[in-house]
PDB file of N, CA and C in Angstrom:
ATOM      1  N   GLN A   1     180.765 177.580  37.109  1.00  0.00           N
ATOM      2  CA  GLN A   1     179.901 177.899  35.884  1.00  0.00           C
ATOM      3  C   GLN A   1     180.723 178.264  34.652  1.00  0.00           C
ATOM      4  N   VAL A   2     180.510 177.665  33.535  1.00  0.00           N
ATOM      5  CA  VAL A   2     181.344 177.833  32.503  1.00  0.00           C
ATOM      6  C   VAL A   2     180.674 179.041  31.613  1.00  0.00           C
ATOM      7  N   GLN A   3     181.687 179.804  31.162  1.00  0.00           N
ATOM      8  CA  GLN A   3     181.313 181.042  30.343  1.00  0.00           C
ATOM      9  C   GLN A   3     182.248 181.150  29.117  1.00  0.00           C
ATOM     10  N   LEU A   4     181.703 181.734  27.966  1.00  0.00           N
ATOM     11  CA  LEU A   4     182.523 181.966  26.741  1.00  0.00           C
ATOM     12  C   LEU A   4     182.829 183.353  26.636  1.00  0.00           C
ATOM     13  N   VAL A   5     183.952 183.697  26.455  1.00  0.00           N
ATOM     14  CA  VAL A   5     184.495 185.078  26.363  1.00  0.00           C
ATOM     15  C   VAL A   5     185.095 185.305  24.968  1.00  0.00           C
ATOM     16  N   GLU A   6     184.534 186.325  24.235  1.00  0.00           N
ATOM     17  CA  GLU A   6     184.933 186.535  22.810  1.00  0.00           C
ATOM     18  C   GLU A   6     185.866 187.833  22.775  1.00  0.00           C
ATOM     19  N   SER A   7     186.821 187.726  21.784  1.00  0.00           N
ATOM     20  CA  SER A   7     187.555 189.119  21.720  1.00  0.00           C
ATOM     21  C   SER A   7     188.140 189.018  20.064  1.00  0.00           C
ATOM     22  N   GLY A   8     188.450 190.254  19.652  1.00  0.00           N
ATOM     23  CA  GLY A   8     189.171 190.298  18.395  1.00  0.00           C
ATOM     24  C   GLY A   8     188.302 191.084  17.365  1.00  0.00           C
ATOM     25  N   GLY A   9     187.139 191.501  17.665  1.00  0.00           N
ATOM     26  CA  GLY A   9     186.286 192.264  16.598  1.00  0.00           C
ATOM     27  C   GLY A   9     186.924 193.601  16.473  1.00  0.00           C
ATOM     28  N   GLY A  10     186.325 194.419  15.529  1.00  0.00           N
ATOM     29  CA  GLY A  10     186.706 195.838  15.484  1.00  0.00           C
ATOM     30  C   GLY A  10     186.479 196.248  14.048  1.00  0.00           C
ATOM     31  N   LEU A  11     186.979 197.506  13.579  1.00  0.00           N
ATOM     32  CA  LEU A  11     186.880 197.939  12.404  1.00  0.00           C
ATOM     33  C   LEU A  11     188.229 197.692  11.416  1.00  0.00           C
ATOM     34  N   VAL A  12     187.912 197.200  10.287  1.00  0.00           N
ATOM     35  CA  VAL A  12     188.992 196.845   9.322  1.00  0.00           C
ATOM     36  C   VAL A  12     188.520 197.376   7.838  1.00  0.00           C
ATOM     37  N   GLN A  13     189.651 197.650   7.028  1.00  0.00           N
ATOM     38  CA  GLN A  13     189.219 198.152   5.810  1.00  0.00           C
ATOM     39  C   GLN A  13     189.023 196.944   4.829  1.00  0.00           C
ATOM     40  N   PRO A  14     188.334 197.097   3.654  1.00  0.00           N
ATOM     41  CA  PRO A  14     188.218 196.014   2.879  1.00  0.00           C
ATOM     42  C   PRO A  14     189.518 195.380   2.356  1.00  0.00           C
ATOM     43  N   GLY A  15     189.519 194.071   2.259  1.00  0.00           N
ATOM     44  CA  GLY A  15     190.779 193.369   1.998  1.00  0.00           C
ATOM     45  C   GLY A  15     191.605 193.140   3.272  1.00  0.00           C
ATOM     46  N   GLY A  16     191.207 193.618   4.437  1.00  0.00           N
ATOM     47  CA  GLY A  16     192.078 193.442   5.533  1.00  0.00           C
ATOM     48  C   GLY A  16     191.605 192.170   6.301  1.00  0.00           C
ATOM     49  N   SER A  17     192.366 191.906   7.512  1.00  0.00           N
ATOM     50  CA  SER A  17     192.286 190.767   8.171  1.00  0.00           C
ATOM     51  C   SER A  17     191.909 190.944   9.539  1.00  0.00           C
ATOM     52  N   LEU A  18     191.159 189.980  10.168  1.00  0.00           N
ATOM     53  CA  LEU A  18     190.947 190.147  11.732  1.00  0.00           C
ATOM     54  C   LEU A  18     191.082 188.678  12.248  1.00  0.00           C
ATOM     55  N   ARG A  19     191.507 188.360  13.361  1.00  0.00           N
ATOM     56  CA  ARG A  19     191.308 186.990  14.049  1.00  0.00           C
ATOM     57  C   ARG A  19     190.374 187.248  15.211  1.00  0.00           C
ATOM     58  N   LEU A  20     189.358 186.388  15.462  1.00  0.00           N
ATOM     59  CA  LEU A  20     188.421 186.272  16.580  1.00  0.00           C
ATOM     60  C   LEU A  20     188.956 185.210  17.367  1.00  0.00           C
ATOM     61  N   SER A  21     188.829 185.439  18.693  1.00  0.00           N
ATOM     62  CA  SER A  21     189.021 184.306  19.649  1.00  0.00           C
ATOM     63  C   SER A  21     187.687 184.127  20.577  1.00  0.00           C
ATOM     64  N   CYS A  22     187.744 182.900  20.935  1.00  0.00           N
ATOM     65  CA  CYS A  22     186.564 182.556  21.998  1.00  0.00           C
ATOM     66  C   CYS A  22     187.047 181.541  22.915  1.00  0.00           C
ATOM     67  N   ALA A  23     187.196 181.999  24.310  1.00  0.00           N
ATOM     68  CA  ALA A  23     187.725 180.994  25.205  1.00  0.00           C
ATOM     69  C   ALA A  23     186.644 180.635  26.259  1.00  0.00           C
ATOM     70  N   ALA A  24     186.737 179.420  26.681  1.00  0.00           N
ATOM     71  CA  ALA A  24     185.796 178.967  27.761  1.00  0.00           C
ATOM     72  C   ALA A  24     186.462 178.849  28.929  1.00  0.00           C
ATOM     73  N   SER A  25     185.790 179.597  29.974  1.00  0.00           N
ATOM     74  CA  SER A  25     186.466 179.653  31.304  1.00  0.00           C
ATOM     75  C   SER A  25     185.536 178.914  32.362  1.00  0.00           C
ATOM     76  N   GLY A  26     186.208 178.468  33.381  1.00  0.00           N
ATOM     77  CA  GLY A  26     185.467 177.638  34.411  1.00  0.00           C
ATOM     78  C   GLY A  26     186.354 176.470  34.778  1.00  0.00           C
ATOM     79  N   SER A  27     185.877 175.528  35.416  1.00  0.00           N
ATOM     80  CA  SER A  27     186.673 174.291  35.800  1.00  0.00           C
ATOM     81  C   SER A  27     185.927 173.042  35.554  1.00  0.00           C
ATOM     82  N   ALA A  28     186.733 171.963  35.404  1.00  0.00           N
ATOM     83  CA  ALA A  28     186.105 170.608  35.398  1.00  0.00           C
ATOM     84  C   ALA A  28     185.088 170.483  34.331  1.00  0.00           C
ATOM     85  N   PHE A  29     185.540 170.788  32.974  1.00  0.00           N
ATOM     86  CA  PHE A  29     184.551 170.401  31.951  1.00  0.00           C
ATOM     87  C   PHE A  29     185.329 170.145  30.649  1.00  0.00           C
ATOM     88  N   GLY A  30     184.715 169.460  29.833  1.00  0.00           N
ATOM     89  CA  GLY A  30     185.277 169.214  28.419  1.00  0.00           C
ATOM     90  C   GLY A  30     184.641 169.983  27.406  1.00  0.00           C
ATOM     91  N   VAL A  31     185.301 170.018  26.287  1.00  0.00           N
ATOM     92  CA  VAL A  31     184.626 170.701  25.147  1.00  0.00           C
ATOM     93  C   VAL A  31     184.524 169.824  23.966  1.00  0.00           C
ATOM     94  N   GLY A  32     183.443 170.084  23.296  1.00  0.00           N
ATOM     95  CA  GLY A  32     183.038 169.257  21.990  1.00  0.00           C
ATOM     96  C   GLY A  32     183.047 170.160  20.705  1.00  0.00           C
ATOM     97  N   ALA A  33     182.163 170.291  19.951  1.00  0.00           N
ATOM     98  CA  ALA A  33     182.267 170.936  18.646  1.00  0.00           C
ATOM     99  C   ALA A  33     182.215 172.434  18.977  1.00  0.00           C
ATOM    100  N   MET A  34     182.713 173.246  18.199  1.00  0.00           N
ATOM    101  CA  MET A  34     182.735 174.584  18.237  1.00  0.00           C
ATOM    102  C   MET A  34     182.513 175.331  16.954  1.00  0.00           C
ATOM    103  N   GLY A  35     181.881 176.442  17.033  1.00  0.00           N
ATOM    104  CA  GLY A  35     181.499 177.153  15.839  1.00  0.00           C
ATOM    105  C   GLY A  35     181.435 178.580  16.053  1.00  0.00           C
ATOM    106  N   TRP A  36     181.380 179.348  14.772  1.00  0.00           N
ATOM    107  CA  TRP A  36     181.187 180.661  14.603  1.00  0.00           C
ATOM    108  C   TRP A  36     179.871 180.983  13.786  1.00  0.00           C
ATOM    109  N   TYR A  37     179.121 181.981  14.263  1.00  0.00           N
ATOM    110  CA  TYR A  37     177.924 182.409  13.579  1.00  0.00           C
ATOM    111  C   TYR A  37     178.040 183.940  13.519  1.00  0.00           C
ATOM    112  N   ARG A  38     177.227 184.551  12.577  1.00  0.00           N
ATOM    113  CA  ARG A  38     177.141 185.915  12.511  1.00  0.00           C
ATOM    114  C   ARG A  38     175.696 186.377  12.160  1.00  0.00           C
ATOM    115  N   GLN A  39     175.352 187.711  12.598  1.00  0.00           N
ATOM    116  CA  GLN A  39     173.990 188.121  12.596  1.00  0.00           C
ATOM    117  C   GLN A  39     174.144 189.568  12.051  1.00  0.00           C
ATOM    118  N   LEU A  40     173.348 189.964  11.084  1.00  0.00           N
ATOM    119  CA  LEU A  40     173.141 191.271  10.648  1.00  0.00           C
ATOM    120  C   LEU A  40     171.780 191.672  11.236  1.00  0.00           C
ATOM    121  N   PRO A  41     171.531 192.990  11.567  1.00  0.00           N
ATOM    122  CA  PRO A  41     170.415 193.709  12.071  1.00  0.00           C
ATOM    123  C   PRO A  41     169.151 193.108  11.258  1.00  0.00           C
ATOM    124  N   GLY A  42     168.190 192.596  11.883  1.00  0.00           N
ATOM    125  CA  GLY A  42     166.946 192.150  11.284  1.00  0.00           C
ATOM    126  C   GLY A  42     167.143 190.820  10.543  1.00  0.00           C
ATOM    127  N   LYS A  43     168.148 190.300  10.667  1.00  0.00           N
ATOM    128  CA  LYS A  43     168.231 188.911   9.927  1.00  0.00           C
ATOM    129  C   LYS A  43     168.595 187.828  10.900  1.00  0.00           C
ATOM    130  N   GLU A  44     168.597 186.485  10.467  1.00  0.00           N
ATOM    131  CA  GLU A  44     168.533 185.299  11.152  1.00  0.00           C
ATOM    132  C   GLU A  44     170.115 185.214  11.415  1.00  0.00           C
ATOM    133  N   ARG A  45     170.407 184.579  12.506  1.00  0.00           N
ATOM    134  CA  ARG A  45     171.970 184.255  12.777  1.00  0.00           C
ATOM    135  C   ARG A  45     172.203 183.081  11.876  1.00  0.00           C
ATOM    136  N   GLU A  46     173.483 183.280  11.139  1.00  0.00           N
ATOM    137  CA  GLU A  46     173.747 182.263  10.198  1.00  0.00           C
ATOM    138  C   GLU A  46     175.213 181.452  10.690  1.00  0.00           C
ATOM    139  N   LEU A  47     175.286 180.285  10.311  1.00  0.00           N
ATOM    140  CA  LEU A  47     176.408 179.627  10.506  1.00  0.00           C
ATOM    141  C   LEU A  47     177.554 180.184   9.569  1.00  0.00           C
ATOM    142  N   VAL A  48     178.870 180.428  10.069  1.00  0.00           N
ATOM    143  CA  VAL A  48     179.989 180.751   9.236  1.00  0.00           C
ATOM    144  C   VAL A  48     180.905 179.686   9.243  1.00  0.00           C
ATOM    145  N   ALA A  49     181.174 179.022  10.247  1.00  0.00           N
ATOM    146  CA  ALA A  49     182.120 177.793  10.316  1.00  0.00           C
ATOM    147  C   ALA A  49     182.030 177.068  11.503  1.00  0.00           C
ATOM    148  N   ASP A  50     182.302 175.802  11.501  1.00  0.00           N
ATOM    149  CA  ASP A  50     182.315 175.014  12.795  1.00  0.00           C
ATOM    150  C   ASP A  50     183.438 174.000  12.558  1.00  0.00           C
ATOM    151  N   ILE A  51     183.850 173.486  13.612  1.00  0.00           N
ATOM    152  CA  ILE A  51     184.953 172.435  13.915  1.00  0.00           C
ATOM    153  C   ILE A  51     184.534 171.442  14.904  1.00  0.00           C
ATOM    154  N   THR A  52     184.625 170.210  14.529  1.00  0.00           N
ATOM    155  CA  THR A  52     184.321 169.109  15.445  1.00  0.00           C
ATOM    156  C   THR A  52     185.418 168.976  16.445  1.00  0.00           C
ATOM    157  N   GLY A  53     185.041 167.993  17.470  1.00  0.00           N
ATOM    158  CA  GLY A  53     186.125 167.545  18.195  1.00  0.00           C
ATOM    159  C   GLY A  53     187.294 166.747  17.589  1.00  0.00           C
ATOM    160  N   GLY A  54     186.923 166.057  16.522  1.00  0.00           N
ATOM    161  CA  GLY A  54     187.963 165.529  15.655  1.00  0.00           C
ATOM    162  C   GLY A  54     188.572 166.327  14.629  1.00  0.00           C
ATOM    163  N   TYR A  55     188.452 167.749  14.775  1.00  0.00           N
ATOM    164  CA  TYR A  55     189.041 168.627  13.892  1.00  0.00           C
ATOM    165  C   TYR A  55     188.484 168.727  12.476  1.00  0.00           C
ATOM    166  N   MET A  56     187.348 168.149  12.289  1.00  0.00           N
ATOM    167  CA  MET A  56     186.754 168.270  10.910  1.00  0.00           C
ATOM    168  C   MET A  56     186.112 169.745  10.900  1.00  0.00           C
ATOM    169  N   THR A  57     186.251 170.288   9.747  1.00  0.00           N
ATOM    170  CA  THR A  57     185.755 171.725   9.594  1.00  0.00           C
ATOM    171  C   THR A  57     184.701 171.912   8.498  1.00  0.00           C
ATOM    172  N   SER A  58     183.908 172.827   8.613  1.00  0.00           N
ATOM    173  CA  SER A  58     182.863 173.095   7.463  1.00  0.00           C
ATOM    174  C   SER A  58     182.776 174.724   7.376  1.00  0.00           C
ATOM    175  N   TYR A  59     182.286 175.234   6.253  1.00  0.00           N
ATOM    176  CA  TYR A  59     182.286 176.709   6.011  1.00  0.00           C
ATOM    177  C   TYR A  59     181.053 176.906   5.242  1.00  0.00           C
ATOM    178  N   ALA A  60     180.534 178.126   5.557  1.00  0.00           N
ATOM    179  CA  ALA A  60     179.497 178.679   4.584  1.00  0.00           C
ATOM    180  C   ALA A  60     180.204 179.124   3.267  1.00  0.00           C
ATOM    181  N   ASP A  61     179.379 178.923   2.170  1.00  0.00           N
ATOM    182  CA  ASP A  61     180.198 179.176   0.882  1.00  0.00           C
ATOM    183  C   ASP A  61     180.687 180.508   0.712  1.00  0.00           C
ATOM    184  N   SER A  62     180.035 181.451   1.473  1.00  0.00           N
ATOM    185  CA  SER A  62     180.320 182.825   1.325  1.00  0.00           C
ATOM    186  C   SER A  62     181.676 183.228   1.862  1.00  0.00           C
ATOM    187  N   VAL A  63     182.271 182.294   2.657  1.00  0.00           N
ATOM    188  CA  VAL A  63     183.510 182.526   3.271  1.00  0.00           C
ATOM    189  C   VAL A  63     184.539 181.520   3.049  1.00  0.00           C
ATOM    190  N   LYS A  64     184.194 180.512   2.306  1.00  0.00           N
ATOM    191  CA  LYS A  64     185.408 179.487   1.941  1.00  0.00           C
ATOM    192  C   LYS A  64     186.454 180.101   1.199  1.00  0.00           C
ATOM    193  N   GLY A  65     187.684 179.749   1.648  1.00  0.00           N
ATOM    194  CA  GLY A  65     188.954 180.181   1.103  1.00  0.00           C
ATOM    195  C   GLY A  65     189.323 181.421   1.567  1.00  0.00           C
ATOM    196  N   ARG A  66     188.393 182.090   2.482  1.00  0.00           N
ATOM    197  CA  ARG A  66     188.809 183.454   3.122  1.00  0.00           C
ATOM    198  C   ARG A  66     188.934 183.182   4.550  1.00  0.00           C
ATOM    199  N   PHE A  67     188.125 182.428   5.186  1.00  0.00           N
ATOM    200  CA  PHE A  67     187.968 182.267   6.656  1.00  0.00           C
ATOM    201  C   PHE A  67     188.565 180.894   7.057  1.00  0.00           C
ATOM    202  N   THR A  68     189.174 180.923   8.230  1.00  0.00           N
ATOM    203  CA  THR A  68     189.880 179.562   8.702  1.00  0.00           C
ATOM    204  C   THR A  68     189.416 179.505  10.193  1.00  0.00           C
ATOM    205  N   ILE A  69     188.696 178.407  10.569  1.00  0.00           N
ATOM    206  CA  ILE A  69     188.388 178.159  12.006  1.00  0.00           C
ATOM    207  C   ILE A  69     189.531 177.028  12.426  1.00  0.00           C
ATOM    208  N   SER A  70     189.742 177.205  13.812  1.00  0.00           N
ATOM    209  CA  SER A  70     190.716 176.382  14.362  1.00  0.00           C
ATOM    210  C   SER A  70     190.440 176.311  15.896  1.00  0.00           C
ATOM    211  N   ARG A  71     191.130 175.255  16.577  1.00  0.00           N
ATOM    212  CA  ARG A  71     190.820 175.047  18.080  1.00  0.00           C
ATOM    213  C   ARG A  71     192.057 174.808  18.712  1.00  0.00           C
ATOM    214  N   ASP A  72     192.062 175.250  20.153  1.00  0.00           N
ATOM    215  CA  ASP A  72     193.229 174.704  20.778  1.00  0.00           C
ATOM    216  C   ASP A  72     192.482 174.045  22.122  1.00  0.00           C
ATOM    217  N   ASN A  73     192.571 172.774  22.146  1.00  0.00           N
ATOM    218  CA  ASN A  73     191.834 172.164  23.207  1.00  0.00           C
ATOM    219  C   ASN A  73     192.594 172.391  24.590  1.00  0.00           C
ATOM    220  N   SER A  74     193.778 172.687  24.589  1.00  0.00           N
ATOM    221  CA  SER A  74     194.401 172.764  25.898  1.00  0.00           C
ATOM    222  C   SER A  74     194.092 173.974  26.522  1.00  0.00           C
ATOM    223  N   LYS A  75     193.667 174.945  25.581  1.00  0.00           N
ATOM    224  CA  LYS A  75     193.094 176.446  26.077  1.00  0.00           C
ATOM    225  C   LYS A  75     191.677 176.403  26.016  1.00  0.00           C
ATOM    226  N   LYS A  76     191.056 175.635  25.501  1.00  0.00           N
ATOM    227  CA  LYS A  76     189.491 175.390  25.460  1.00  0.00           C
ATOM    228  C   LYS A  76     189.123 176.747  24.575  1.00  0.00           C
ATOM    229  N   THR A  77     189.819 176.940  23.637  1.00  0.00           N
ATOM    230  CA  THR A  77     189.545 178.079  22.814  1.00  0.00           C
ATOM    231  C   THR A  77     189.239 177.809  21.170  1.00  0.00           C
ATOM    232  N   THR A  78     188.590 178.603  20.718  1.00  0.00           N
ATOM    233  CA  THR A  78     188.332 178.489  19.236  1.00  0.00           C
ATOM    234  C   THR A  78     188.757 179.781  18.572  1.00  0.00           C
ATOM    235  N   TYR A  79     189.245 179.697  17.209  1.00  0.00           N
ATOM    236  CA  TYR A  79     189.746 181.003  16.509  1.00  0.00           C
ATOM    237  C   TYR A  79     189.036 181.215  15.157  1.00  0.00           C
ATOM    238  N   LEU A  80     188.778 182.182  14.800  1.00  0.00           N
ATOM    239  CA  LEU A  80     188.338 182.412  13.365  1.00  0.00           C
ATOM    240  C   LEU A  80     189.329 183.490  12.733  1.00  0.00           C
ATOM    241  N   GLN A  81     190.213 183.017  11.897  1.00  0.00           N
ATOM    242  CA  GLN A  81     190.893 183.850  11.000  1.00  0.00           C
ATOM    243  C   GLN A  81     190.108 184.359   9.766  1.00  0.00           C
ATOM    244  N   MET A  82     190.057 185.619   9.698  1.00  0.00           N
ATOM    245  CA  MET A  82     189.120 186.058   8.550  1.00  0.00           C
ATOM    246  C   MET A  82     190.201 187.015   7.621  1.00  0.00           C
ATOM    247  N   ASN A  83     190.234 186.542   6.530  1.00  0.00           N
ATOM    248  CA  ASN A  83     191.094 187.255   5.555  1.00  0.00           C
ATOM    249  C   ASN A  83     190.099 187.735   4.411  1.00  0.00           C
ATOM    250  N   SER A  84     190.746 188.852   3.599  1.00  0.00           N
ATOM    251  CA  SER A  84     190.112 189.312   2.445  1.00  0.00           C
ATOM    252  C   SER A  84     188.721 189.690   2.847  1.00  0.00           C
ATOM    253  N   LEU A  85     188.646 190.411   3.839  1.00  0.00           N
ATOM    254  CA  LEU A  85     187.291 190.831   4.393  1.00  0.00           C
ATOM    255  C   LEU A  85     186.624 191.709   3.472  1.00  0.00           C
ATOM    256  N   GLN A  86     185.241 191.755   3.322  1.00  0.00           N
ATOM    257  CA  GLN A  86     184.358 192.635   2.445  1.00  0.00           C
ATOM    258  C   GLN A  86     183.352 193.345   3.256  1.00  0.00           C
ATOM    259  N   PRO A  87     182.863 194.208   2.767  1.00  0.00           N
ATOM    260  CA  PRO A  87     181.767 194.932   3.658  1.00  0.00           C
ATOM    261  C   PRO A  87     180.713 194.067   3.814  1.00  0.00           C
ATOM    262  N   GLU A  88     180.348 193.268   3.041  1.00  0.00           N
ATOM    263  CA  GLU A  88     179.303 192.213   3.270  1.00  0.00           C
ATOM    264  C   GLU A  88     179.511 191.188   4.685  1.00  0.00           C
ATOM    265  N   ASP A  89     180.838 191.330   4.957  1.00  0.00           N
ATOM    266  CA  ASP A  89     181.121 190.398   6.072  1.00  0.00           C
ATOM    267  C   ASP A  89     180.825 191.290   7.345  1.00  0.00           C
ATOM    268  N   THR A  90     180.503 192.473   7.330  1.00  0.00           N
ATOM    269  CA  THR A  90     180.043 193.135   8.557  1.00  0.00           C
ATOM    270  C   THR A  90     178.812 192.535   9.229  1.00  0.00           C
ATOM    271  N   ALA A  91     179.099 192.337  10.561  1.00  0.00           N
ATOM    272  CA  ALA A  91     178.120 191.722  11.360  1.00  0.00           C
ATOM    273  C   ALA A  91     178.547 191.682  12.615  1.00  0.00           C
ATOM    274  N   VAL A  92     177.634 191.185  13.685  1.00  0.00           N
ATOM    275  CA  VAL A  92     178.053 190.745  14.947  1.00  0.00           C
ATOM    276  C   VAL A  92     178.485 189.195  15.018  1.00  0.00           C
ATOM    277  N   TYR A  93     179.536 188.729  15.396  1.00  0.00           N
ATOM    278  CA  TYR A  93     180.005 187.394  15.192  1.00  0.00           C
ATOM    279  C   TYR A  93     179.853 186.807  16.720  1.00  0.00           C
ATOM    280  N   TYR A  94     179.281 185.511  16.754  1.00  0.00           N
ATOM    281  CA  TYR A  94     179.188 184.934  18.025  1.00  0.00           C
ATOM    282  C   TYR A  94     179.709 183.486  17.837  1.00  0.00           C
ATOM    283  N   CYS A  95     180.473 183.046  18.922  1.00  0.00           N
ATOM    284  CA  CYS A  95     180.914 181.644  18.918  1.00  0.00           C
ATOM    285  C   CYS A  95     179.889 180.961  19.823  1.00  0.00           C
ATOM    286  N   LYS A  96     180.000 179.584  19.413  1.00  0.00           N
ATOM    287  CA  LYS A  96     179.127 178.583  20.201  1.00  0.00           C
ATOM    288  C   LYS A  96     179.994 177.320  20.410  1.00  0.00           C
ATOM    289  N   MET A  97     179.848 176.889  21.582  1.00  0.00           N
ATOM    290  CA  MET A  97     180.745 175.632  22.114  1.00  0.00           C
ATOM    291  C   MET A  97     179.769 174.690  22.814  1.00  0.00           C
ATOM    292  N   VAL A  98     180.021 173.368  22.457  1.00  0.00           N
ATOM    293  CA  VAL A  98     179.447 172.422  23.311  1.00  0.00           C
ATOM    294  C   VAL A  98     180.434 172.108  24.455  1.00  0.00           C
ATOM    295  N   VAL A  99     179.747 172.215  25.720  1.00  0.00           N
ATOM    296  CA  VAL A  99     180.610 171.920  26.870  1.00  0.00           C
ATOM    297  C   VAL A  99     179.895 170.915  27.772  1.00  0.00           C
ATOM    298  N   VAL A 100     180.752 169.939  28.261  1.00  0.00           N
ATOM    299  CA  VAL A 100     180.320 168.939  29.047  1.00  0.00           C
ATOM    300  C   VAL A 100     180.807 169.049  30.422  1.00  0.00           C
ATOM    301  N   THR A 101     179.813 169.125  31.392  1.00  0.00           N
ATOM    302  CA  THR A 101     180.053 169.092  32.861  1.00  0.00           C
ATOM    303  C   THR A 101     179.423 167.848  33.333  1.00  0.00           C
ATOM    304  N   THR A 102     178.627 168.069  34.143  1.00  0.00           N
ATOM    305  CA  THR A 102     177.675 166.768  34.539  1.00  0.00           C
ATOM    306  C   THR A 102     176.551 166.659  33.592  1.00  0.00           C
ATOM    307  N   ARG A 103     176.491 167.506  32.677  1.00  0.00           N
ATOM    308  CA  ARG A 103     175.479 167.401  31.515  1.00  0.00           C
ATOM    309  C   ARG A 103     176.036 167.981  30.310  1.00  0.00           C
ATOM    310  N   ARG A 104     175.396 168.004  29.191  1.00  0.00           N
ATOM    311  CA  ARG A 104     175.922 168.522  27.940  1.00  0.00           C
ATOM    312  C   ARG A 104     175.245 169.874  27.568  1.00  0.00           C
ATOM    313  N   LEU A 105     176.033 170.921  27.384  1.00  0.00           N
ATOM    314  CA  LEU A 105     175.311 172.337  27.347  1.00  0.00           C
ATOM    315  C   LEU A 105     175.922 172.745  26.029  1.00  0.00           C
ATOM    316  N   GLU A 106     175.037 173.678  25.398  1.00  0.00           N
ATOM    317  CA  GLU A 106     175.418 174.536  24.106  1.00  0.00           C
ATOM    318  C   GLU A 106     175.502 175.857  24.612  1.00  0.00           C
ATOM    319  N   LEU A 107     176.768 176.530  24.816  1.00  0.00           N
ATOM    320  CA  LEU A 107     176.951 177.915  25.302  1.00  0.00           C
ATOM    321  C   LEU A 107     177.275 178.867  24.063  1.00  0.00           C
ATOM    322  N   TRP A 108     176.793 180.157  24.146  1.00  0.00           N
ATOM    323  CA  TRP A 108     177.156 181.250  23.277  1.00  0.00           C
ATOM    324  C   TRP A 108     177.876 182.272  23.903  1.00  0.00           C
ATOM    325  N   GLY A 109     178.878 182.879  23.098  1.00  0.00           N
ATOM    326  CA  GLY A 109     179.654 183.978  23.485  1.00  0.00           C
ATOM    327  C   GLY A 109     178.687 185.207  23.484  1.00  0.00           C
ATOM    328  N   GLN A 110     179.356 186.283  23.937  1.00  0.00           N
ATOM    329  CA  GLN A 110     178.431 187.621  24.069  1.00  0.00           C
ATOM    330  C   GLN A 110     178.406 188.306  22.747  1.00  0.00           C
ATOM    331  N   GLY A 111     179.178 187.782  21.569  1.00  0.00           N
ATOM    332  CA  GLY A 111     179.144 188.643  20.339  1.00  0.00           C
ATOM    333  C   GLY A 111     180.258 189.657  20.470  1.00  0.00           C
ATOM    334  N   THR A 112     180.695 189.785  19.095  1.00  0.00           N
ATOM    335  CA  THR A 112     181.682 190.722  18.840  1.00  0.00           C
ATOM    336  C   THR A 112     181.544 191.309  17.448  1.00  0.00           C
ATOM    337  N   LEU A 113     181.378 192.675  17.550  1.00  0.00           N
ATOM    338  CA  LEU A 113     181.236 193.420  16.155  1.00  0.00           C
ATOM    339  C   LEU A 113     182.409 193.455  15.276  1.00  0.00           C
ATOM    340  N   VAL A 114     182.201 193.098  14.054  1.00  0.00           N
ATOM    341  CA  VAL A 114     183.077 193.201  12.961  1.00  0.00           C
ATOM    342  C   VAL A 114     182.630 194.275  11.836  1.00  0.00           C
ATOM    343  N   THR A 115     183.336 195.341  11.775  1.00  0.00           N
ATOM    344  CA  THR A 115     182.902 196.337  10.779  1.00  0.00           C
ATOM    345  C   THR A 115     183.892 196.431   9.632  1.00  0.00           C
ATOM    346  N   VAL A 116     183.488 196.119   8.348  1.00  0.00           N
ATOM    347  CA  VAL A 116     184.419 196.260   7.401  1.00  0.00           C
ATOM    348  C   VAL A 116     183.947 197.454   6.376  1.00  0.00           C
ATOM    349  N   SER A 117     184.999 198.530   6.491  1.00  0.00           N
ATOM    350  CA  SER A 117     184.591 199.710   5.900  1.00  0.00           C
ATOM    351  C   SER A 117     185.710 200.591   5.533  1.00  0.00           C
ATOM    352  N   SER A 118     185.752 201.352   4.467  1.00  0.00           N
ATOM    353  CA  SER A 118     186.831 202.178   4.047  1.00  0.00           C
ATOM    354  C   SER A 118     186.686 203.511   4.705  1.00  0.00           C
TER     355      SER A 118
END
């Protein structure tokens, strides 16, 4: 069974940086598109950034120029480098990954809290 495990959240001051990681564990599977989403209490989950299997990336306007998504296929891992963090970036961040075993699945990580505060 394939699972996604996230790490890297925490408390950071405004202007600081964090790097989130999301790794897929299991055996005998391939990975496709990967993405990062975030959710504030009482709000819809929103797309932050995604990256295709061909390494094409896209970003929400609110994070362009500050966040960078990347992937390492050999490790079946995606990263979100977050710079110049602001209080409005505070949220639970979730990764999503397309995984192919005997069928195509869209899996979510467990979520990691990022708090930007002085």
